[in-house]
C-alpha cells in the first residue's frame, strides 16, 4: 500500500476536507495508481469523492482476494439489542475520536444458532462505525493438505490488515478447527 503521508496528500487533492479521512480509510492497501483509478471512477459514477462512493467503486472493481468478500452494509429493518447499541456507542466514540490506535476496539464475538442475527449485528456495527464490512469465506479456504488452510487464512488476515479500518465477519469459524490425520498429510 501507499505510505499514509502520500495517501493523505493525494486525497487532499481529490476530496473535500470533510471527506478526506473517510476516503483515506477506503483507499488503504491499494497502490497509488489504483487509488487514482478508484477516485476517478467514484467521481464519474457518483459525481462525488466520498468514503461511500470510493468504497462502492473499490468493492466493484478492486475486490479483496484470498477468500475475502465485501459485504453490503444495508440492514433494512433491524432492531439492535440494547447491549449492542451501547457497545457501538461507547466503542464507536473511542474508534472515531481517539488518536491512540491501541485504544481502538479489536473485536466483538457473536455466537448463537443460525438465524439469530449475528450477520445483521455485524452490519449494524459497520454502519455505526461507518467502515466497510468484509466476510472471510472459511469454506473456500479449507484445503485437504496440511498447512494449506493455515496459509490461506494467514494470507486473508494479512490482506485484511492492509485494508485498514473495517469490520470482519468470520462465519463458520468452527470449520477451521477440523480433525487432522498427520500420517497421511490430509486434513479432514
N, C-alpha and C. Protein backbone atom coordinates (compact mmCIF):
# COMPACT_ATOMS: atom_id res chain seq x y z
N UNK A 1 0.81 -1.19 0.00
CA UNK A 1 0.00 0.00 0.00
C UNK A 1 0.85 1.26 0.00
N UNK A 2 0.19 2.36 -0.12
CA UNK A 2 0.83 3.67 -0.17
C UNK A 2 1.12 4.16 1.25
N UNK A 3 2.29 4.77 1.50
CA UNK A 3 2.54 5.35 2.82
C UNK A 3 1.44 6.36 3.17
N UNK A 4 1.08 6.43 4.45
CA UNK A 4 -0.05 7.27 4.86
C UNK A 4 0.15 8.73 4.51
N UNK A 5 1.36 9.25 4.61
CA UNK A 5 1.59 10.66 4.28
C UNK A 5 1.33 10.93 2.80
N UNK A 6 1.74 10.00 1.94
CA UNK A 6 1.49 10.14 0.50
C UNK A 6 0.00 10.04 0.21
N UNK A 7 -0.67 9.10 0.88
CA UNK A 7 -2.11 8.91 0.67
C UNK A 7 -2.89 10.15 1.09
N UNK A 8 -2.53 10.74 2.24
CA UNK A 8 -3.20 11.95 2.72
C UNK A 8 -3.00 13.09 1.71
N UNK A 9 -1.79 13.23 1.19
CA UNK A 9 -1.51 14.26 0.19
C UNK A 9 -2.33 14.06 -1.07
N UNK A 10 -2.43 12.81 -1.53
CA UNK A 10 -3.21 12.51 -2.73
C UNK A 10 -4.68 12.81 -2.50
N UNK A 11 -5.22 12.35 -1.37
CA UNK A 11 -6.65 12.52 -1.09
C UNK A 11 -7.00 13.99 -0.93
N UNK A 12 -6.12 14.78 -0.34
CA UNK A 12 -6.42 16.21 -0.15
C UNK A 12 -6.56 16.92 -1.49
N UNK A 13 -5.99 16.35 -2.55
CA UNK A 13 -6.11 16.94 -3.88
C UNK A 13 -7.40 16.53 -4.59
N UNK A 14 -8.02 15.42 -4.17
CA UNK A 14 -9.19 14.92 -4.90
C UNK A 14 -10.49 14.94 -4.10
N UNK A 15 -10.40 15.11 -2.78
CA UNK A 15 -11.61 15.08 -1.94
C UNK A 15 -11.67 16.32 -1.07
N UNK A 16 -12.89 16.65 -0.66
CA UNK A 16 -13.06 17.80 0.24
C UNK A 16 -12.46 17.48 1.60
N UNK A 17 -12.19 18.52 2.36
CA UNK A 17 -11.55 18.36 3.67
C UNK A 17 -12.38 17.48 4.61
N UNK A 18 -13.71 17.64 4.59
CA UNK A 18 -14.56 16.85 5.48
C UNK A 18 -14.67 15.39 5.07
N UNK A 19 -14.38 15.08 3.80
CA UNK A 19 -14.44 13.70 3.32
C UNK A 19 -13.08 13.01 3.31
N UNK A 20 -12.00 13.75 3.53
CA UNK A 20 -10.65 13.23 3.34
C UNK A 20 -10.34 12.01 4.21
N UNK A 21 -10.69 12.05 5.50
CA UNK A 21 -10.37 10.92 6.39
C UNK A 21 -11.07 9.65 5.94
N UNK A 22 -12.34 9.76 5.60
CA UNK A 22 -13.10 8.59 5.14
C UNK A 22 -12.58 8.03 3.84
N UNK A 23 -12.21 8.92 2.91
CA UNK A 23 -11.68 8.49 1.62
C UNK A 23 -10.34 7.77 1.84
N UNK A 24 -9.48 8.33 2.70
CA UNK A 24 -8.21 7.67 3.02
C UNK A 24 -8.46 6.27 3.56
N UNK A 25 -9.42 6.14 4.45
CA UNK A 25 -9.76 4.85 5.04
C UNK A 25 -10.20 3.85 3.96
N UNK A 26 -10.96 4.32 2.99
CA UNK A 26 -11.46 3.45 1.93
C UNK A 26 -10.37 3.06 0.93
N UNK A 27 -9.28 3.80 0.88
CA UNK A 27 -8.21 3.53 -0.09
C UNK A 27 -7.02 2.76 0.49
N UNK A 28 -6.99 2.59 1.80
CA UNK A 28 -5.84 1.93 2.43
C UNK A 28 -5.61 0.57 1.81
N UNK A 29 -4.34 0.29 1.52
CA UNK A 29 -3.95 -1.01 0.99
C UNK A 29 -3.83 -1.07 -0.52
N UNK A 30 -4.31 -0.03 -1.22
CA UNK A 30 -4.21 -0.02 -2.69
C UNK A 30 -2.95 0.71 -3.14
N UNK A 31 -2.37 0.29 -4.26
CA UNK A 31 -1.28 1.07 -4.84
C UNK A 31 -1.80 2.44 -5.30
N UNK A 32 -0.92 3.42 -5.41
CA UNK A 32 -1.32 4.79 -5.76
C UNK A 32 -2.06 4.84 -7.09
N UNK A 33 -1.63 4.06 -8.07
CA UNK A 33 -2.30 4.05 -9.38
C UNK A 33 -3.76 3.60 -9.22
N UNK A 34 -3.99 2.58 -8.40
CA UNK A 34 -5.36 2.11 -8.17
C UNK A 34 -6.17 3.13 -7.37
N UNK A 35 -5.52 3.83 -6.43
CA UNK A 35 -6.21 4.90 -5.68
C UNK A 35 -6.72 5.95 -6.66
N UNK A 36 -5.87 6.32 -7.61
CA UNK A 36 -6.26 7.31 -8.61
C UNK A 36 -7.43 6.80 -9.44
N UNK A 37 -7.35 5.55 -9.88
CA UNK A 37 -8.43 4.97 -10.70
C UNK A 37 -9.74 4.92 -9.92
N UNK A 38 -9.68 4.51 -8.67
CA UNK A 38 -10.89 4.40 -7.84
C UNK A 38 -11.52 5.77 -7.65
N UNK A 39 -10.72 6.79 -7.36
CA UNK A 39 -11.26 8.14 -7.15
C UNK A 39 -11.85 8.70 -8.44
N UNK A 40 -11.19 8.47 -9.56
CA UNK A 40 -11.74 8.94 -10.84
C UNK A 40 -13.07 8.27 -11.15
N UNK A 41 -13.13 6.95 -10.93
CA UNK A 41 -14.39 6.24 -11.18
C UNK A 41 -15.49 6.70 -10.22
N UNK A 42 -15.15 6.91 -8.96
CA UNK A 42 -16.15 7.40 -7.99
C UNK A 42 -16.68 8.75 -8.41
N UNK A 43 -15.79 9.64 -8.85
CA UNK A 43 -16.20 10.96 -9.31
C UNK A 43 -17.11 10.87 -10.53
N UNK A 44 -16.76 9.98 -11.45
CA UNK A 44 -17.56 9.82 -12.67
C UNK A 44 -18.91 9.15 -12.38
N UNK A 45 -18.89 8.06 -11.60
CA UNK A 45 -20.11 7.29 -11.37
C UNK A 45 -21.07 7.95 -10.39
N UNK A 46 -20.52 8.61 -9.35
CA UNK A 46 -21.35 9.16 -8.28
C UNK A 46 -21.31 10.68 -8.20
N UNK A 47 -20.52 11.30 -9.05
CA UNK A 47 -20.34 12.76 -9.06
C UNK A 47 -19.84 13.30 -7.72
N UNK A 48 -19.12 12.46 -6.97
CA UNK A 48 -18.54 12.87 -5.70
C UNK A 48 -17.44 11.89 -5.32
N UNK A 49 -16.53 12.37 -4.49
CA UNK A 49 -15.48 11.50 -3.95
C UNK A 49 -15.65 11.50 -2.43
N UNK A 50 -16.42 10.51 -1.96
CA UNK A 50 -16.69 10.34 -0.53
C UNK A 50 -16.30 8.92 -0.15
N UNK A 51 -16.29 8.64 1.14
CA UNK A 51 -15.94 7.29 1.58
C UNK A 51 -16.89 6.27 0.97
N UNK A 52 -18.17 6.59 0.97
CA UNK A 52 -19.17 5.64 0.47
C UNK A 52 -18.98 5.39 -1.03
N UNK A 53 -18.78 6.45 -1.83
CA UNK A 53 -18.63 6.26 -3.27
C UNK A 53 -17.32 5.54 -3.60
N UNK A 54 -16.25 5.91 -2.90
CA UNK A 54 -14.95 5.26 -3.12
C UNK A 54 -15.02 3.79 -2.71
N UNK A 55 -15.64 3.49 -1.57
CA UNK A 55 -15.75 2.10 -1.13
C UNK A 55 -16.59 1.29 -2.11
N UNK A 56 -17.66 1.88 -2.63
CA UNK A 56 -18.50 1.19 -3.60
C UNK A 56 -17.72 0.84 -4.86
N UNK A 57 -16.96 1.80 -5.37
CA UNK A 57 -16.14 1.54 -6.57
C UNK A 57 -15.07 0.50 -6.26
N UNK A 58 -14.44 0.63 -5.12
CA UNK A 58 -13.39 -0.33 -4.75
C UNK A 58 -13.95 -1.74 -4.67
N UNK A 59 -15.11 -1.90 -4.06
CA UNK A 59 -15.71 -3.22 -3.94
C UNK A 59 -16.08 -3.80 -5.30
N UNK A 60 -16.51 -2.93 -6.21
CA UNK A 60 -16.93 -3.37 -7.54
C UNK A 60 -15.76 -3.75 -8.42
N UNK A 61 -14.74 -2.92 -8.46
CA UNK A 61 -13.67 -3.08 -9.44
C UNK A 61 -12.35 -3.57 -8.86
N UNK A 62 -12.14 -3.45 -7.57
CA UNK A 62 -10.89 -3.86 -6.93
C UNK A 62 -11.20 -4.66 -5.66
N UNK A 63 -11.95 -5.76 -5.80
CA UNK A 63 -12.33 -6.50 -4.60
C UNK A 63 -11.12 -7.19 -3.96
N UNK A 64 -11.17 -7.37 -2.64
CA UNK A 64 -10.11 -8.11 -1.98
C UNK A 64 -10.10 -9.56 -2.48
N UNK A 65 -8.96 -10.17 -2.43
CA UNK A 65 -8.83 -11.56 -2.86
C UNK A 65 -8.56 -12.44 -1.64
N UNK A 66 -8.18 -13.65 -1.92
CA UNK A 66 -7.77 -14.60 -0.88
C UNK A 66 -8.90 -14.97 0.07
N UNK A 67 -10.09 -15.21 -0.45
CA UNK A 67 -11.19 -15.64 0.39
C UNK A 67 -11.93 -14.52 1.10
N UNK A 68 -11.62 -13.26 0.75
CA UNK A 68 -12.31 -12.11 1.36
C UNK A 68 -13.33 -11.56 0.38
N UNK A 69 -14.48 -11.21 0.91
CA UNK A 69 -15.53 -10.65 0.07
C UNK A 69 -16.15 -9.44 0.75
N UNK A 70 -16.35 -8.36 0.00
CA UNK A 70 -17.06 -7.22 0.59
C UNK A 70 -18.52 -7.60 0.81
N UNK A 71 -19.09 -7.08 1.88
CA UNK A 71 -20.49 -7.35 2.21
C UNK A 71 -21.22 -6.03 2.25
N UNK A 72 -22.41 -6.00 1.68
CA UNK A 72 -23.23 -4.80 1.73
C UNK A 72 -23.59 -4.49 3.18
N UNK A 73 -23.55 -3.21 3.53
CA UNK A 73 -23.90 -2.81 4.90
C UNK A 73 -25.38 -2.52 5.05
N UNK A 74 -26.15 -2.69 4.00
CA UNK A 74 -27.59 -2.43 4.08
C UNK A 74 -28.23 -3.41 5.05
N UNK A 75 -28.93 -2.87 6.05
CA UNK A 75 -29.54 -3.73 7.05
C UNK A 75 -31.05 -3.81 6.93
N UNK A 76 -31.65 -2.90 6.19
CA UNK A 76 -33.10 -2.91 6.14
C UNK A 76 -33.65 -2.66 7.52
N UNK A 77 -34.60 -3.48 7.94
CA UNK A 77 -35.18 -3.34 9.27
C UNK A 77 -34.42 -4.22 10.24
N UNK A 78 -33.86 -3.62 11.27
CA UNK A 78 -33.13 -4.37 12.29
C UNK A 78 -33.20 -3.61 13.60
N UNK A 79 -33.69 -4.26 14.61
CA UNK A 79 -33.72 -3.66 15.95
C UNK A 79 -32.56 -4.24 16.74
N UNK A 80 -31.51 -3.46 16.84
CA UNK A 80 -30.32 -3.93 17.56
C UNK A 80 -30.64 -4.06 19.04
N UNK A 81 -30.11 -5.10 19.68
CA UNK A 81 -30.28 -5.24 21.14
C UNK A 81 -29.63 -4.06 21.86
N UNK A 82 -30.15 -3.72 23.02
CA UNK A 82 -29.61 -2.58 23.78
C UNK A 82 -28.12 -2.73 24.08
N UNK A 83 -27.69 -3.95 24.37
CA UNK A 83 -26.27 -4.16 24.68
C UNK A 83 -25.39 -3.88 23.45
N UNK A 84 -25.87 -4.19 22.27
CA UNK A 84 -25.12 -3.91 21.05
C UNK A 84 -25.10 -2.41 20.76
N UNK A 85 -26.23 -1.75 20.99
CA UNK A 85 -26.29 -0.29 20.81
C UNK A 85 -25.31 0.39 21.76
N UNK A 86 -25.28 -0.07 23.00
CA UNK A 86 -24.37 0.51 23.99
C UNK A 86 -22.92 0.30 23.58
N UNK A 87 -22.58 -0.92 23.14
CA UNK A 87 -21.21 -1.21 22.70
C UNK A 87 -20.84 -0.31 21.53
N UNK A 88 -21.72 -0.20 20.54
CA UNK A 88 -21.43 0.62 19.36
C UNK A 88 -21.24 2.08 19.73
N UNK A 89 -22.04 2.56 20.67
CA UNK A 89 -21.92 3.96 21.08
C UNK A 89 -20.60 4.21 21.81
N UNK A 90 -20.31 3.40 22.82
CA UNK A 90 -19.09 3.60 23.60
C UNK A 90 -17.83 3.33 22.78
N UNK A 91 -17.77 2.17 22.14
CA UNK A 91 -16.59 1.82 21.34
C UNK A 91 -16.50 2.70 20.10
N UNK A 92 -17.65 3.09 19.57
CA UNK A 92 -17.66 3.97 18.40
C UNK A 92 -17.01 5.31 18.68
N UNK A 93 -17.26 5.86 19.87
CA UNK A 93 -16.62 7.13 20.24
C UNK A 93 -15.11 6.97 20.32
N UNK A 94 -14.67 5.89 20.92
CA UNK A 94 -13.22 5.64 21.00
C UNK A 94 -12.65 5.46 19.61
N UNK A 95 -13.33 4.67 18.78
CA UNK A 95 -12.86 4.38 17.43
C UNK A 95 -12.77 5.64 16.57
N UNK A 96 -13.81 6.48 16.65
CA UNK A 96 -13.87 7.66 15.78
C UNK A 96 -12.99 8.81 16.24
N UNK A 97 -12.83 8.97 17.57
CA UNK A 97 -12.19 10.19 18.04
C UNK A 97 -10.85 9.99 18.74
N UNK A 98 -10.49 8.78 19.04
CA UNK A 98 -9.22 8.55 19.72
C UNK A 98 -8.07 8.64 18.72
N UNK A 99 -7.01 9.28 19.13
CA UNK A 99 -5.81 9.35 18.30
C UNK A 99 -4.85 8.21 18.65
N UNK A 100 -5.20 7.45 19.69
CA UNK A 100 -4.33 6.37 20.16
C UNK A 100 -4.87 5.05 19.60
N UNK A 101 -4.16 4.48 18.64
CA UNK A 101 -4.62 3.28 17.97
C UNK A 101 -4.76 2.09 18.92
N UNK A 102 -3.97 2.06 19.98
CA UNK A 102 -4.05 0.96 20.94
C UNK A 102 -5.40 0.90 21.65
N UNK A 103 -6.15 2.00 21.65
CA UNK A 103 -7.46 2.03 22.30
C UNK A 103 -8.60 1.58 21.38
N UNK A 104 -8.33 1.44 20.08
CA UNK A 104 -9.38 1.05 19.14
C UNK A 104 -9.96 -0.31 19.54
N UNK A 105 -11.26 -0.48 19.36
CA UNK A 105 -11.85 -1.79 19.62
C UNK A 105 -11.26 -2.82 18.66
N UNK A 106 -10.95 -3.99 19.15
CA UNK A 106 -10.31 -5.02 18.33
C UNK A 106 -11.27 -6.10 17.89
N UNK A 107 -12.35 -6.30 18.60
CA UNK A 107 -13.24 -7.36 18.17
C UNK A 107 -14.45 -7.51 19.07
N UNK A 108 -15.41 -8.19 18.54
CA UNK A 108 -16.64 -8.49 19.24
C UNK A 108 -17.08 -9.85 18.75
N UNK A 109 -17.33 -10.79 19.63
CA UNK A 109 -17.68 -12.15 19.25
C UNK A 109 -19.17 -12.35 19.43
N UNK A 110 -19.83 -12.67 18.33
CA UNK A 110 -21.23 -13.05 18.37
C UNK A 110 -21.27 -14.57 18.28
N UNK A 111 -22.06 -15.20 19.12
CA UNK A 111 -22.24 -16.64 18.99
C UNK A 111 -23.73 -16.93 19.11
N UNK A 112 -24.14 -17.99 18.48
CA UNK A 112 -25.55 -18.36 18.54
C UNK A 112 -25.92 -19.26 17.39
N UNK A 113 -27.12 -19.74 17.45
CA UNK A 113 -27.64 -20.61 16.40
C UNK A 113 -27.82 -19.83 15.10
N UNK A 114 -27.84 -20.52 13.96
CA UNK A 114 -28.10 -19.84 12.68
C UNK A 114 -29.44 -19.11 12.74
N UNK A 115 -29.47 -17.93 12.14
CA UNK A 115 -30.71 -17.16 12.08
C UNK A 115 -30.98 -16.28 13.28
N UNK A 116 -30.01 -16.10 14.16
CA UNK A 116 -30.24 -15.29 15.36
C UNK A 116 -29.75 -13.85 15.23
N UNK A 117 -29.26 -13.46 14.05
CA UNK A 117 -28.93 -12.06 13.81
C UNK A 117 -27.47 -11.68 13.94
N UNK A 118 -26.57 -12.64 13.87
CA UNK A 118 -25.15 -12.32 14.01
C UNK A 118 -24.65 -11.46 12.84
N UNK A 119 -25.02 -11.82 11.63
CA UNK A 119 -24.61 -11.04 10.46
C UNK A 119 -25.24 -9.65 10.50
N UNK A 120 -26.47 -9.56 10.89
CA UNK A 120 -27.13 -8.25 10.99
C UNK A 120 -26.45 -7.39 12.06
N UNK A 121 -26.00 -8.02 13.12
CA UNK A 121 -25.26 -7.30 14.16
C UNK A 121 -23.95 -6.74 13.61
N UNK A 122 -23.25 -7.53 12.79
CA UNK A 122 -22.00 -7.07 12.17
C UNK A 122 -22.28 -5.91 11.23
N UNK A 123 -23.38 -5.99 10.47
CA UNK A 123 -23.75 -4.89 9.57
C UNK A 123 -24.08 -3.63 10.37
N UNK A 124 -24.76 -3.82 11.48
CA UNK A 124 -25.10 -2.69 12.35
C UNK A 124 -23.83 -2.00 12.86
N UNK A 125 -22.87 -2.79 13.33
CA UNK A 125 -21.60 -2.23 13.83
C UNK A 125 -20.88 -1.49 12.71
N UNK A 126 -20.81 -2.08 11.52
CA UNK A 126 -20.13 -1.44 10.38
C UNK A 126 -20.79 -0.11 10.04
N UNK A 127 -22.12 -0.07 10.09
CA UNK A 127 -22.83 1.18 9.82
C UNK A 127 -22.59 2.21 10.90
N UNK A 128 -22.63 1.79 12.16
CA UNK A 128 -22.43 2.72 13.26
C UNK A 128 -21.02 3.32 13.25
N UNK A 129 -20.02 2.50 12.91
CA UNK A 129 -18.65 2.99 12.85
C UNK A 129 -18.31 3.59 11.49
N UNK A 130 -19.22 3.43 10.52
CA UNK A 130 -19.07 3.95 9.16
C UNK A 130 -17.78 3.45 8.51
N UNK A 131 -17.61 2.13 8.56
CA UNK A 131 -16.47 1.48 7.94
C UNK A 131 -16.95 0.28 7.12
N UNK A 132 -16.16 -0.18 6.16
CA UNK A 132 -16.60 -1.30 5.33
C UNK A 132 -16.69 -2.61 6.10
N UNK A 133 -17.46 -3.52 5.53
CA UNK A 133 -17.67 -4.83 6.12
C UNK A 133 -17.17 -5.88 5.13
N UNK A 134 -16.35 -6.82 5.61
CA UNK A 134 -15.85 -7.91 4.79
C UNK A 134 -16.18 -9.22 5.46
N UNK A 135 -16.26 -10.26 4.63
CA UNK A 135 -16.52 -11.61 5.13
C UNK A 135 -15.39 -12.52 4.67
N UNK A 136 -14.90 -13.35 5.57
CA UNK A 136 -13.94 -14.39 5.21
C UNK A 136 -14.74 -15.64 4.91
N UNK A 137 -14.50 -16.21 3.73
CA UNK A 137 -15.15 -17.45 3.33
C UNK A 137 -14.29 -18.61 3.83
N UNK A 138 -14.60 -19.10 5.02
CA UNK A 138 -13.81 -20.17 5.64
C UNK A 138 -13.87 -21.43 4.79
N UNK A 139 -15.04 -21.78 4.26
CA UNK A 139 -15.18 -22.99 3.46
C UNK A 139 -14.26 -22.95 2.23
N UNK A 140 -14.13 -21.77 1.63
CA UNK A 140 -13.28 -21.63 0.44
C UNK A 140 -11.79 -21.68 0.76
N UNK A 141 -11.42 -21.50 2.01
CA UNK A 141 -10.01 -21.52 2.41
C UNK A 141 -9.51 -22.91 2.76
N UNK A 142 -10.43 -23.76 3.12
CA UNK A 142 -10.03 -25.09 3.58
C UNK A 142 -9.40 -25.88 2.45
N UNK A 143 -8.37 -26.63 2.79
CA UNK A 143 -7.65 -27.43 1.83
C UNK A 143 -7.34 -28.75 2.50
N UNK A 144 -7.34 -29.81 1.74
CA UNK A 144 -7.13 -31.13 2.35
C UNK A 144 -5.69 -31.37 2.77
N UNK A 145 -4.74 -30.58 2.27
CA UNK A 145 -3.34 -30.79 2.62
C UNK A 145 -2.95 -29.98 3.85
N UNK A 146 -2.20 -30.60 4.74
CA UNK A 146 -1.79 -29.99 5.99
C UNK A 146 -0.99 -28.72 5.70
N UNK A 147 -1.36 -27.65 6.36
CA UNK A 147 -0.66 -26.38 6.23
C UNK A 147 -1.26 -25.43 5.22
N UNK A 148 -1.99 -25.93 4.24
CA UNK A 148 -2.57 -25.06 3.21
C UNK A 148 -3.70 -24.20 3.74
N UNK A 149 -4.56 -24.76 4.58
CA UNK A 149 -5.66 -23.99 5.16
C UNK A 149 -5.12 -22.86 6.02
N UNK A 150 -4.08 -23.16 6.80
CA UNK A 150 -3.47 -22.15 7.65
C UNK A 150 -2.83 -21.05 6.81
N UNK A 151 -2.18 -21.46 5.72
CA UNK A 151 -1.56 -20.49 4.80
C UNK A 151 -2.62 -19.58 4.18
N UNK A 152 -3.74 -20.16 3.76
CA UNK A 152 -4.83 -19.38 3.18
C UNK A 152 -5.39 -18.38 4.19
N UNK A 153 -5.56 -18.82 5.44
CA UNK A 153 -6.06 -17.93 6.48
C UNK A 153 -5.07 -16.80 6.76
N UNK A 154 -3.79 -17.13 6.84
CA UNK A 154 -2.77 -16.11 7.08
C UNK A 154 -2.75 -15.07 5.96
N UNK A 155 -2.90 -15.52 4.73
CA UNK A 155 -2.94 -14.59 3.59
C UNK A 155 -4.16 -13.68 3.67
N UNK A 156 -5.31 -14.26 4.02
CA UNK A 156 -6.53 -13.46 4.14
C UNK A 156 -6.41 -12.44 5.26
N UNK A 157 -5.85 -12.84 6.39
CA UNK A 157 -5.69 -11.90 7.51
C UNK A 157 -4.68 -10.82 7.18
N UNK A 158 -3.65 -11.15 6.43
CA UNK A 158 -2.68 -10.15 6.00
C UNK A 158 -3.34 -9.13 5.08
N UNK A 159 -4.20 -9.61 4.18
CA UNK A 159 -4.92 -8.70 3.29
C UNK A 159 -5.84 -7.79 4.08
N UNK A 160 -6.56 -8.34 5.06
CA UNK A 160 -7.45 -7.53 5.91
C UNK A 160 -6.64 -6.48 6.64
N UNK A 161 -5.47 -6.85 7.13
CA UNK A 161 -4.61 -5.90 7.84
C UNK A 161 -4.23 -4.72 6.94
N UNK A 162 -4.02 -4.99 5.66
CA UNK A 162 -3.64 -3.91 4.74
C UNK A 162 -4.83 -3.04 4.34
N UNK A 163 -6.05 -3.52 4.57
CA UNK A 163 -7.24 -2.75 4.19
C UNK A 163 -7.54 -1.61 5.16
N UNK A 164 -7.00 -1.66 6.34
CA UNK A 164 -7.27 -0.60 7.31
C UNK A 164 -8.53 -0.90 8.10
N UNK A 165 -9.17 0.16 8.57
CA UNK A 165 -10.34 0.03 9.43
C UNK A 165 -11.48 -0.67 8.70
N UNK A 166 -11.99 -1.73 9.30
CA UNK A 166 -13.13 -2.45 8.72
C UNK A 166 -13.72 -3.36 9.79
N UNK A 167 -14.89 -3.90 9.48
CA UNK A 167 -15.49 -4.94 10.29
C UNK A 167 -15.30 -6.24 9.51
N UNK A 168 -14.83 -7.26 10.20
CA UNK A 168 -14.56 -8.55 9.57
C UNK A 168 -15.53 -9.58 10.12
N UNK A 169 -16.26 -10.21 9.22
CA UNK A 169 -17.22 -11.24 9.58
C UNK A 169 -16.60 -12.59 9.23
N UNK A 170 -16.33 -13.39 10.26
CA UNK A 170 -15.78 -14.73 10.05
C UNK A 170 -16.90 -15.71 10.38
N UNK A 171 -17.56 -16.17 9.34
CA UNK A 171 -18.69 -17.07 9.53
C UNK A 171 -18.19 -18.51 9.48
N UNK A 172 -18.81 -19.38 10.23
CA UNK A 172 -18.48 -20.80 10.29
C UNK A 172 -17.03 -21.02 10.71
N UNK A 173 -16.58 -20.26 11.70
CA UNK A 173 -15.19 -20.33 12.17
C UNK A 173 -14.85 -21.72 12.71
N UNK A 174 -15.84 -22.46 13.14
CA UNK A 174 -15.57 -23.79 13.69
C UNK A 174 -14.98 -24.73 12.65
N UNK A 175 -15.17 -24.44 11.36
CA UNK A 175 -14.60 -25.28 10.31
C UNK A 175 -13.08 -25.22 10.27
N UNK A 176 -12.51 -24.15 10.86
CA UNK A 176 -11.06 -24.04 10.89
C UNK A 176 -10.42 -25.04 11.85
N UNK A 177 -11.22 -25.60 12.74
CA UNK A 177 -10.68 -26.47 13.78
C UNK A 177 -11.09 -27.92 13.56
N UNK A 178 -10.93 -28.39 12.32
CA UNK A 178 -11.27 -29.78 12.00
C UNK A 178 -10.23 -30.73 12.54
N UNK A 179 -10.49 -32.02 12.39
CA UNK A 179 -9.52 -33.01 12.85
C UNK A 179 -8.38 -33.12 11.84
N UNK A 180 -7.31 -33.76 12.26
CA UNK A 180 -6.10 -33.78 11.46
C UNK A 180 -5.53 -35.20 11.44
N UNK A 181 -5.27 -35.71 10.25
CA UNK A 181 -4.64 -37.02 10.12
C UNK A 181 -3.21 -36.77 9.69
N UNK A 182 -2.30 -36.69 10.67
CA UNK A 182 -0.92 -36.27 10.38
C UNK A 182 -0.15 -37.35 9.61
N UNK A 183 -0.57 -38.61 9.66
CA UNK A 183 0.18 -39.65 8.93
C UNK A 183 0.03 -39.50 7.43
N UNK A 184 -1.16 -39.15 6.97
CA UNK A 184 -1.39 -39.09 5.52
C UNK A 184 -1.13 -37.71 4.93
N UNK A 185 -1.01 -36.69 5.78
CA UNK A 185 -0.83 -35.33 5.26
C UNK A 185 -2.12 -34.72 4.76
N UNK A 186 -3.24 -35.34 5.11
CA UNK A 186 -4.54 -34.84 4.66
C UNK A 186 -5.38 -34.46 5.86
N UNK A 187 -6.04 -33.30 5.76
CA UNK A 187 -6.88 -32.80 6.85
C UNK A 187 -8.32 -33.17 6.57
N UNK A 188 -9.05 -33.59 7.62
CA UNK A 188 -10.47 -33.94 7.44
C UNK A 188 -11.32 -33.09 8.33
